[in-house]
């Protein structure tokens, strides 16, 4: 069992609600090929039943599944099936963290990467935040709300990352665009993904990959 690290910046493709079986494999292969060409890393979410097939056919993507309570006693089997990333929804809205923290402790021992999809990472207890490797900060606001409610976003990102140097924060976008991707990365985020679960979002996947690739190349040039 091995916990793999993701090279920053990276992307996350939500797919478990869209594709299954052969269709999931075809899309996973396409994304695996694209990120290999661009020297990027990516998380590809899938249905648990499709994980062994996807893992056997791909080389670069890291496969994630969304955690459900029914899985709490099956984490060893899930890891053996080839799952790299365990994804938790809404942990910033949980009132009692004891049971959740127990699951996350076990998942870390099994070398899963832990990704949490949240509306506000500032609502997560600091003790729990230190046990998570990736935050997907979801955009749940309209454009008008976004400009006012997120005016402190850059300083919030810096604060969270300074307190948790091993934590990556990616932007959960409703719609992918080059401007949104670059703005998110310039604010200090480590990558981007969508969470709308609509097929039309995937029309912009190439745009996402190339924007991240271009940003990565510019940063590497600046730092040389």
C-alpha atoms as a PDB file:
ATOM      1  CA  UNK A   1       0.000   0.000   0.000  1.00  0.00           C
ATOM      2  CA  UNK A   2       1.363   3.391  -0.996  1.00  0.00           C
ATOM      3  CA  UNK A   3       0.259   6.990  -0.656  1.00  0.00           C
ATOM      4  CA  UNK A   4       1.148   8.801  -3.844  1.00  0.00           C
ATOM      5  CA  UNK A   5       1.851  12.504  -3.926  1.00  0.00           C
ATOM      6  CA  UNK A   6       0.386  14.820  -6.542  1.00  0.00           C
ATOM      7  CA  UNK A   7       2.565  17.312  -8.365  1.00  0.00           C
ATOM      8  CA  UNK A   8       1.243  20.863  -8.052  1.00  0.00           C
ATOM      9  CA  UNK A   9      -0.697  22.247  -9.875  1.00  0.00           C
ATOM     10  CA  UNK A  10      -3.081  19.364 -10.533  1.00  0.00           C
ATOM     11  CA  UNK A  11      -6.698  18.855 -11.546  1.00  0.00           C
ATOM     12  CA  UNK A  12      -9.643  16.786 -10.368  1.00  0.00           C
ATOM     13  CA  UNK A  13     -12.216  15.296 -12.744  1.00  0.00           C
ATOM     14  CA  UNK A  14     -15.513  14.279 -11.132  1.00  0.00           C
ATOM     15  CA  UNK A  15     -16.963  11.408 -13.082  1.00  0.00           C
ATOM     16  CA  UNK A  16     -18.605   8.795 -10.878  1.00  0.00           C
ATOM     17  CA  UNK A  17     -22.109  10.173 -11.449  1.00  0.00           C
ATOM     18  CA  UNK A  18     -21.611  10.522 -15.199  1.00  0.00           C
ATOM     19  CA  UNK A  19     -19.853   7.418 -16.441  1.00  0.00           C
ATOM     20  CA  UNK A  20     -19.777   3.764 -15.527  1.00  0.00           C
ATOM     21  CA  UNK A  21     -18.328   0.586 -16.959  1.00  0.00           C
ATOM     22  CA  UNK A  22     -16.817   0.894 -20.429  1.00  0.00           C
ATOM     23  CA  UNK A  23     -17.678   4.594 -20.698  1.00  0.00           C
ATOM     24  CA  UNK A  24     -15.765   5.327 -17.479  1.00  0.00           C
ATOM     25  CA  UNK A  25     -12.758   3.395 -18.778  1.00  0.00           C
ATOM     26  CA  UNK A  26     -12.766   5.199 -22.144  1.00  0.00           C
ATOM     27  CA  UNK A  27     -12.815   8.613 -20.461  1.00  0.00           C
ATOM     28  CA  UNK A  28     -10.179   7.602 -17.910  1.00  0.00           C
ATOM     29  CA  UNK A  29      -7.863   6.434 -20.696  1.00  0.00           C
ATOM     30  CA  UNK A  30      -8.340   9.692 -22.597  1.00  0.00           C
ATOM     31  CA  UNK A  31      -7.547  11.815 -19.535  1.00  0.00           C
ATOM     32  CA  UNK A  32      -4.604   9.598 -18.561  1.00  0.00           C
ATOM     33  CA  UNK A  33      -3.110  10.096 -22.026  1.00  0.00           C
ATOM     34  CA  UNK A  34      -3.683  13.859 -21.992  1.00  0.00           C
ATOM     35  CA  UNK A  35      -2.081  14.499 -18.593  1.00  0.00           C
ATOM     36  CA  UNK A  36       0.877  12.298 -19.527  1.00  0.00           C
ATOM     37  CA  UNK A  37       1.430  14.449 -22.633  1.00  0.00           C
ATOM     38  CA  UNK A  38       1.285  17.629 -20.542  1.00  0.00           C
ATOM     39  CA  UNK A  39       3.234  16.191 -17.575  1.00  0.00           C
ATOM     40  CA  UNK A  40       0.388  16.919 -15.148  1.00  0.00           C
ATOM     41  CA  UNK A  41      -1.230  14.921 -12.368  1.00  0.00           C
ATOM     42  CA  UNK A  42      -4.963  14.396 -11.978  1.00  0.00           C
ATOM     43  CA  UNK A  43      -7.533  12.735  -9.740  1.00  0.00           C
ATOM     44  CA  UNK A  44     -10.259  10.820 -11.579  1.00  0.00           C
ATOM     45  CA  UNK A  45     -13.266   9.955  -9.453  1.00  0.00           C
ATOM     46  CA  UNK A  46     -15.044   6.699 -10.248  1.00  0.00           C
ATOM     47  CA  UNK A  47     -17.562   4.176  -8.998  1.00  0.00           C
ATOM     48  CA  UNK A  48     -15.914   1.594  -6.771  1.00  0.00           C
ATOM     49  CA  UNK A  49     -16.952  -1.216  -9.113  1.00  0.00           C
ATOM     50  CA  UNK A  50     -15.016   0.422 -11.974  1.00  0.00           C
ATOM     51  CA  UNK A  51     -11.790   1.068 -10.052  1.00  0.00           C
ATOM     52  CA  UNK A  52      -9.933  -2.238 -10.753  1.00  0.00           C
ATOM     53  CA  UNK A  53     -10.536  -1.922 -14.503  1.00  0.00           C
ATOM     54  CA  UNK A  54      -9.427   1.717 -14.593  1.00  0.00           C
ATOM     55  CA  UNK A  55      -6.318   1.079 -12.479  1.00  0.00           C
ATOM     56  CA  UNK A  56      -5.255  -1.829 -14.668  1.00  0.00           C
ATOM     57  CA  UNK A  57      -5.494   0.255 -17.852  1.00  0.00           C
ATOM     58  CA  UNK A  58      -4.051   3.625 -16.774  1.00  0.00           C
ATOM     59  CA  UNK A  59      -0.630   4.797 -15.664  1.00  0.00           C
ATOM     60  CA  UNK A  60      -0.829   8.341 -14.340  1.00  0.00           C
ATOM     61  CA  UNK A  61      -4.252   9.284 -12.979  1.00  0.00           C
ATOM     62  CA  UNK A  62      -5.017   8.719  -9.326  1.00  0.00           C
ATOM     63  CA  UNK A  63      -8.426   7.170  -8.822  1.00  0.00           C
ATOM     64  CA  UNK A  64     -10.740   8.490  -6.131  1.00  0.00           C
ATOM     65  CA  UNK A  65     -14.092   7.382  -4.751  1.00  0.00           C
ATOM     66  CA  UNK A  66     -16.630   9.242  -2.630  1.00  0.00           C
ATOM     67  CA  UNK A  67     -16.780   7.867   0.904  1.00  0.00           C
ATOM     68  CA  UNK A  68     -20.080   6.640   2.372  1.00  0.00           C
ATOM     69  CA  UNK A  69     -20.728   5.378   5.902  1.00  0.00           C
ATOM     70  CA  UNK A  70     -21.260   1.855   4.556  1.00  0.00           C
ATOM     71  CA  UNK A  71     -17.541   1.783   3.674  1.00  0.00           C
ATOM     72  CA  UNK A  72     -16.143   2.365   7.166  1.00  0.00           C
ATOM     73  CA  UNK A  73     -15.397  -1.336   7.808  1.00  0.00           C
ATOM     74  CA  UNK A  74     -14.216  -2.024   4.245  1.00  0.00           C
ATOM     75  CA  UNK A  75     -11.341   0.418   3.852  1.00  0.00           C
ATOM     76  CA  UNK A  76      -8.677  -2.301   3.530  1.00  0.00           C
ATOM     77  CA  UNK A  77     -10.598  -3.977   0.714  1.00  0.00           C
ATOM     78  CA  UNK A  78     -11.173  -0.620  -0.970  1.00  0.00           C
ATOM     79  CA  UNK A  79      -7.446   0.146  -0.852  1.00  0.00           C
ATOM     80  CA  UNK A  80      -6.617  -3.269  -2.312  1.00  0.00           C
ATOM     81  CA  UNK A  81      -9.069  -2.596  -5.151  1.00  0.00           C
ATOM     82  CA  UNK A  82      -6.780   0.237  -6.252  1.00  0.00           C
ATOM     83  CA  UNK A  83      -8.359   3.366  -4.789  1.00  0.00           C
ATOM     84  CA  UNK A  84      -5.794   6.140  -4.257  1.00  0.00           C
ATOM     85  CA  UNK A  85      -8.005   8.968  -2.981  1.00  0.00           C
ATOM     86  CA  UNK A  86     -10.837   8.823  -0.449  1.00  0.00           C
ATOM     87  CA  UNK A  87     -13.235  11.752  -0.866  1.00  0.00           C
ATOM     88  CA  UNK A  88     -15.392  13.182   1.924  1.00  0.00           C
ATOM     89  CA  UNK A  89     -18.312  15.549   1.312  1.00  0.00           C
ATOM     90  CA  UNK A  90     -19.425  18.334   3.625  1.00  0.00           C
ATOM     91  CA  UNK A  91     -17.180  17.717   6.609  1.00  0.00           C
ATOM     92  CA  UNK A  92     -17.280  21.462   7.339  1.00  0.00           C
ATOM     93  CA  UNK A  93     -20.965  20.962   8.214  1.00  0.00           C
ATOM     94  CA  UNK A  94     -20.528  18.023  10.604  1.00  0.00           C
ATOM     95  CA  UNK A  95     -21.282  18.760  14.277  1.00  0.00           C
ATOM     96  CA  UNK A  96     -19.770  15.639  15.891  1.00  0.00           C
ATOM     97  CA  UNK A  97     -16.343  14.810  14.514  1.00  0.00           C
ATOM     98  CA  UNK A  98     -15.355  11.813  16.641  1.00  0.00           C
ATOM     99  CA  UNK A  99     -16.634   9.074  14.309  1.00  0.00           C
ATOM    100  CA  UNK A 100     -15.437  10.922  11.203  1.00  0.00           C
ATOM    101  CA  UNK A 101     -11.984  11.472  12.694  1.00  0.00           C
ATOM    102  CA  UNK A 102     -11.752   7.764  13.492  1.00  0.00           C
ATOM    103  CA  UNK A 103     -12.433   6.899   9.834  1.00  0.00           C
ATOM    104  CA  UNK A 104      -9.908   9.463   8.585  1.00  0.00           C
ATOM    105  CA  UNK A 105      -7.269   8.149  11.006  1.00  0.00           C
ATOM    106  CA  UNK A 106      -7.770   4.640   9.623  1.00  0.00           C
ATOM    107  CA  UNK A 107      -7.676   5.914   6.039  1.00  0.00           C
ATOM    108  CA  UNK A 108      -4.383   7.703   6.668  1.00  0.00           C
ATOM    109  CA  UNK A 109      -2.868   4.541   8.152  1.00  0.00           C
ATOM    110  CA  UNK A 110      -3.879   2.722   4.969  1.00  0.00           C
ATOM    111  CA  UNK A 111      -2.072   5.390   2.906  1.00  0.00           C
ATOM    112  CA  UNK A 112      -5.098   6.903   1.183  1.00  0.00           C
ATOM    113  CA  UNK A 113      -4.929  10.515   0.104  1.00  0.00           C
ATOM    114  CA  UNK A 114      -7.794  12.302   1.861  1.00  0.00           C
ATOM    115  CA  UNK A 115      -9.748  14.877  -0.154  1.00  0.00           C
ATOM    116  CA  UNK A 116     -12.553  16.922   1.422  1.00  0.00           C
ATOM    117  CA  UNK A 117     -15.107  18.798  -0.683  1.00  0.00           C
ATOM    118  CA  UNK A 118     -16.241  21.753   1.434  1.00  0.00           C
ATOM    119  CA  UNK A 119     -18.005  25.110   1.247  1.00  0.00           C
ATOM    120  CA  UNK A 120     -15.746  26.705   3.857  1.00  0.00           C
ATOM    121  CA  UNK A 121     -12.480  25.120   5.031  1.00  0.00           C
ATOM    122  CA  UNK A 122     -12.329  27.645   7.877  1.00  0.00           C
ATOM    123  CA  UNK A 123     -15.172  25.703   9.515  1.00  0.00           C
ATOM    124  CA  UNK A 124     -13.101  22.508   9.781  1.00  0.00           C
ATOM    125  CA  UNK A 125     -11.500  21.944  13.214  1.00  0.00           C
ATOM    126  CA  UNK A 126      -7.741  22.470  13.085  1.00  0.00           C
ATOM    127  CA  UNK A 127      -7.068  19.007  14.501  1.00  0.00           C
ATOM    128  CA  UNK A 128      -9.008  17.419  11.640  1.00  0.00           C
ATOM    129  CA  UNK A 129      -7.581  19.725   8.985  1.00  0.00           C
ATOM    130  CA  UNK A 130      -4.090  18.447   9.772  1.00  0.00           C
ATOM    131  CA  UNK A 131      -5.202  14.920   8.796  1.00  0.00           C
ATOM    132  CA  UNK A 132      -6.468  15.934   5.347  1.00  0.00           C
ATOM    133  CA  UNK A 133      -4.192  16.229   2.320  1.00  0.00           C
ATOM    134  CA  UNK A 134      -6.477  18.007  -0.175  1.00  0.00           C
ATOM    135  CA  UNK A 135      -9.322  20.509   0.179  1.00  0.00           C
ATOM    136  CA  UNK A 136     -11.660  21.170  -2.734  1.00  0.00           C
ATOM    137  CA  UNK A 137     -13.119  24.585  -1.927  1.00  0.00           C
ATOM    138  CA  UNK A 138     -16.470  24.631  -3.695  1.00  0.00           C
ATOM    139  CA  UNK A 139     -17.827  27.750  -5.358  1.00  0.00           C
ATOM    140  CA  UNK A 140     -21.438  27.891  -4.181  1.00  0.00           C
ATOM    141  CA  UNK A 141     -22.010  31.605  -4.726  1.00  0.00           C
ATOM    142  CA  UNK A 142     -23.345  33.599  -7.636  1.00  0.00           C
ATOM    143  CA  UNK A 143     -21.060  36.104  -9.384  1.00  0.00           C
ATOM    144  CA  UNK A 144     -22.448  38.990  -7.309  1.00  0.00           C
ATOM    145  CA  UNK A 145     -22.049  37.110  -4.028  1.00  0.00           C
ATOM    146  CA  UNK A 146     -18.671  35.797  -5.064  1.00  0.00           C
ATOM    147  CA  UNK A 147     -17.131  39.266  -5.389  1.00  0.00           C
ATOM    148  CA  UNK A 148     -18.117  40.289  -1.861  1.00  0.00           C
ATOM    149  CA  UNK A 149     -18.074  37.048   0.130  1.00  0.00           C
ATOM    150  CA  UNK A 150     -14.728  35.944  -1.235  1.00  0.00           C
ATOM    151  CA  UNK A 151     -12.835  39.231  -1.073  1.00  0.00           C
ATOM    152  CA  UNK A 152     -10.622  37.784   1.676  1.00  0.00           C
ATOM    153  CA  UNK A 153     -10.108  34.488  -0.119  1.00  0.00           C
ATOM    154  CA  UNK A 154      -6.429  35.008  -0.921  1.00  0.00           C
ATOM    155  CA  UNK A 155      -5.531  35.806   2.689  1.00  0.00           C
ATOM    156  CA  UNK A 156      -7.676  32.881   3.895  1.00  0.00           C
ATOM    157  CA  UNK A 157      -5.835  30.509   1.555  1.00  0.00           C
ATOM    158  CA  UNK A 158      -2.467  31.806   2.755  1.00  0.00           C
ATOM    159  CA  UNK A 159      -3.500  31.444   6.401  1.00  0.00           C
ATOM    160  CA  UNK A 160      -4.741  27.864   5.986  1.00  0.00           C
ATOM    161  CA  UNK A 161      -1.666  26.783   4.031  1.00  0.00           C
ATOM    162  CA  UNK A 162       0.763  28.433   6.455  1.00  0.00           C
ATOM    163  CA  UNK A 163      -0.861  26.532   9.320  1.00  0.00           C
ATOM    164  CA  UNK A 164      -1.024  23.289   7.287  1.00  0.00           C
ATOM    165  CA  UNK A 165       2.019  23.156   4.973  1.00  0.00           C
ATOM    166  CA  UNK A 166       1.187  19.642   3.759  1.00  0.00           C
ATOM    167  CA  UNK A 167      -2.321  20.655   2.645  1.00  0.00           C
ATOM    168  CA  UNK A 168      -3.232  21.354  -0.984  1.00  0.00           C
ATOM    169  CA  UNK A 169      -6.255  23.521  -1.803  1.00  0.00           C
ATOM    170  CA  UNK A 170      -7.993  23.261  -5.156  1.00  0.00           C
ATOM    171  CA  UNK A 171     -10.902  25.261  -6.506  1.00  0.00           C
ATOM    172  CA  UNK A 172     -14.221  23.499  -7.091  1.00  0.00           C
ATOM    173  CA  UNK A 173     -15.689  25.384 -10.038  1.00  0.00           C
ATOM    174  CA  UNK A 174     -19.232  25.352 -11.370  1.00  0.00           C
ATOM    175  CA  UNK A 175     -17.928  26.078 -14.857  1.00  0.00           C
ATOM    176  CA  UNK A 176     -14.401  25.801 -16.206  1.00  0.00           C
ATOM    177  CA  UNK A 177     -12.763  28.780 -17.933  1.00  0.00           C
ATOM    178  CA  UNK A 178      -9.172  29.846 -18.523  1.00  0.00           C
ATOM    179  CA  UNK A 179      -9.638  33.108 -16.582  1.00  0.00           C
ATOM    180  CA  UNK A 180     -11.117  31.292 -13.578  1.00  0.00           C
ATOM    181  CA  UNK A 181      -8.313  28.740 -13.568  1.00  0.00           C
ATOM    182  CA  UNK A 182      -5.534  31.318 -13.748  1.00  0.00           C
ATOM    183  CA  UNK A 183      -7.167  33.581 -11.147  1.00  0.00           C
ATOM    184  CA  UNK A 184      -7.529  30.635  -8.761  1.00  0.00           C
ATOM    185  CA  UNK A 185      -3.910  29.579  -9.179  1.00  0.00           C
ATOM    186  CA  UNK A 186      -2.684  33.159  -8.749  1.00  0.00           C
ATOM    187  CA  UNK A 187      -4.625  33.382  -5.463  1.00  0.00           C
ATOM    188  CA  UNK A 188      -2.514  30.519  -4.169  1.00  0.00           C
ATOM    189  CA  UNK A 189      -4.636  27.491  -4.947  1.00  0.00           C
ATOM    190  CA  UNK A 190      -2.865  24.318  -6.028  1.00  0.00           C
ATOM    191  CA  UNK A 191      -5.222  23.172  -8.747  1.00  0.00           C
ATOM    192  CA  UNK A 192      -8.781  23.091  -9.966  1.00  0.00           C
ATOM    193  CA  UNK A 193     -11.687  20.757 -10.548  1.00  0.00           C
ATOM    194  CA  UNK A 194     -15.409  20.988 -11.193  1.00  0.00           C
ATOM    195  CA  UNK A 195     -18.221  19.727  -9.067  1.00  0.00           C
ATOM    196  CA  UNK A 196     -21.360  20.560 -11.066  1.00  0.00           C
ATOM    197  CA  UNK A 197     -21.682  16.939 -12.259  1.00  0.00           C
ATOM    198  CA  UNK A 198     -22.990  18.076 -15.654  1.00  0.00           C
ATOM    199  CA  UNK A 199     -21.701  16.616 -18.887  1.00  0.00           C
ATOM    200  CA  UNK A 200     -21.437  20.026 -20.560  1.00  0.00           C
ATOM    201  CA  UNK A 201     -18.680  20.902 -18.079  1.00  0.00           C
ATOM    202  CA  UNK A 202     -16.487  18.338 -19.785  1.00  0.00           C
ATOM    203  CA  UNK A 203     -16.522  20.288 -23.022  1.00  0.00           C
ATOM    204  CA  UNK A 204     -13.942  22.508 -21.288  1.00  0.00           C
ATOM    205  CA  UNK A 205     -11.632  19.810 -19.929  1.00  0.00           C
ATOM    206  CA  UNK A 206      -8.928  20.472 -22.523  1.00  0.00           C
ATOM    207  CA  UNK A 207      -9.080  24.162 -21.637  1.00  0.00           C
ATOM    208  CA  UNK A 208      -8.519  23.245 -17.996  1.00  0.00           C
ATOM    209  CA  UNK A 209      -5.557  20.983 -18.754  1.00  0.00           C
ATOM    210  CA  UNK A 210      -3.830  23.483 -21.057  1.00  0.00           C
ATOM    211  CA  UNK A 211      -4.366  26.445 -18.712  1.00  0.00           C
ATOM    212  CA  UNK A 212      -2.838  24.518 -15.794  1.00  0.00           C
ATOM    213  CA  UNK A 213       0.004  23.351 -18.036  1.00  0.00           C
ATOM    214  CA  UNK A 214       0.776  26.909 -19.197  1.00  0.00           C
ATOM    215  CA  UNK A 215       0.692  28.254 -15.628  1.00  0.00           C
ATOM    216  CA  UNK A 216       3.012  25.458 -14.479  1.00  0.00           C
ATOM    217  CA  UNK A 217       5.502  26.239 -17.255  1.00  0.00           C
ATOM    218  CA  UNK A 218       5.516  29.962 -16.431  1.00  0.00           C
ATOM    219  CA  UNK A 219       6.113  29.262 -12.725  1.00  0.00           C
ATOM    220  CA  UNK A 220       8.928  26.849 -13.524  1.00  0.00           C
ATOM    221  CA  UNK A 221      10.530  29.477 -15.798  1.00  0.00           C
ATOM    222  CA  UNK A 222      10.246  32.174 -13.099  1.00  0.00           C
ATOM    223  CA  UNK A 223      11.785  29.887 -10.486  1.00  0.00           C
ATOM    224  CA  UNK A 224      14.773  28.804 -12.598  1.00  0.00           C
END
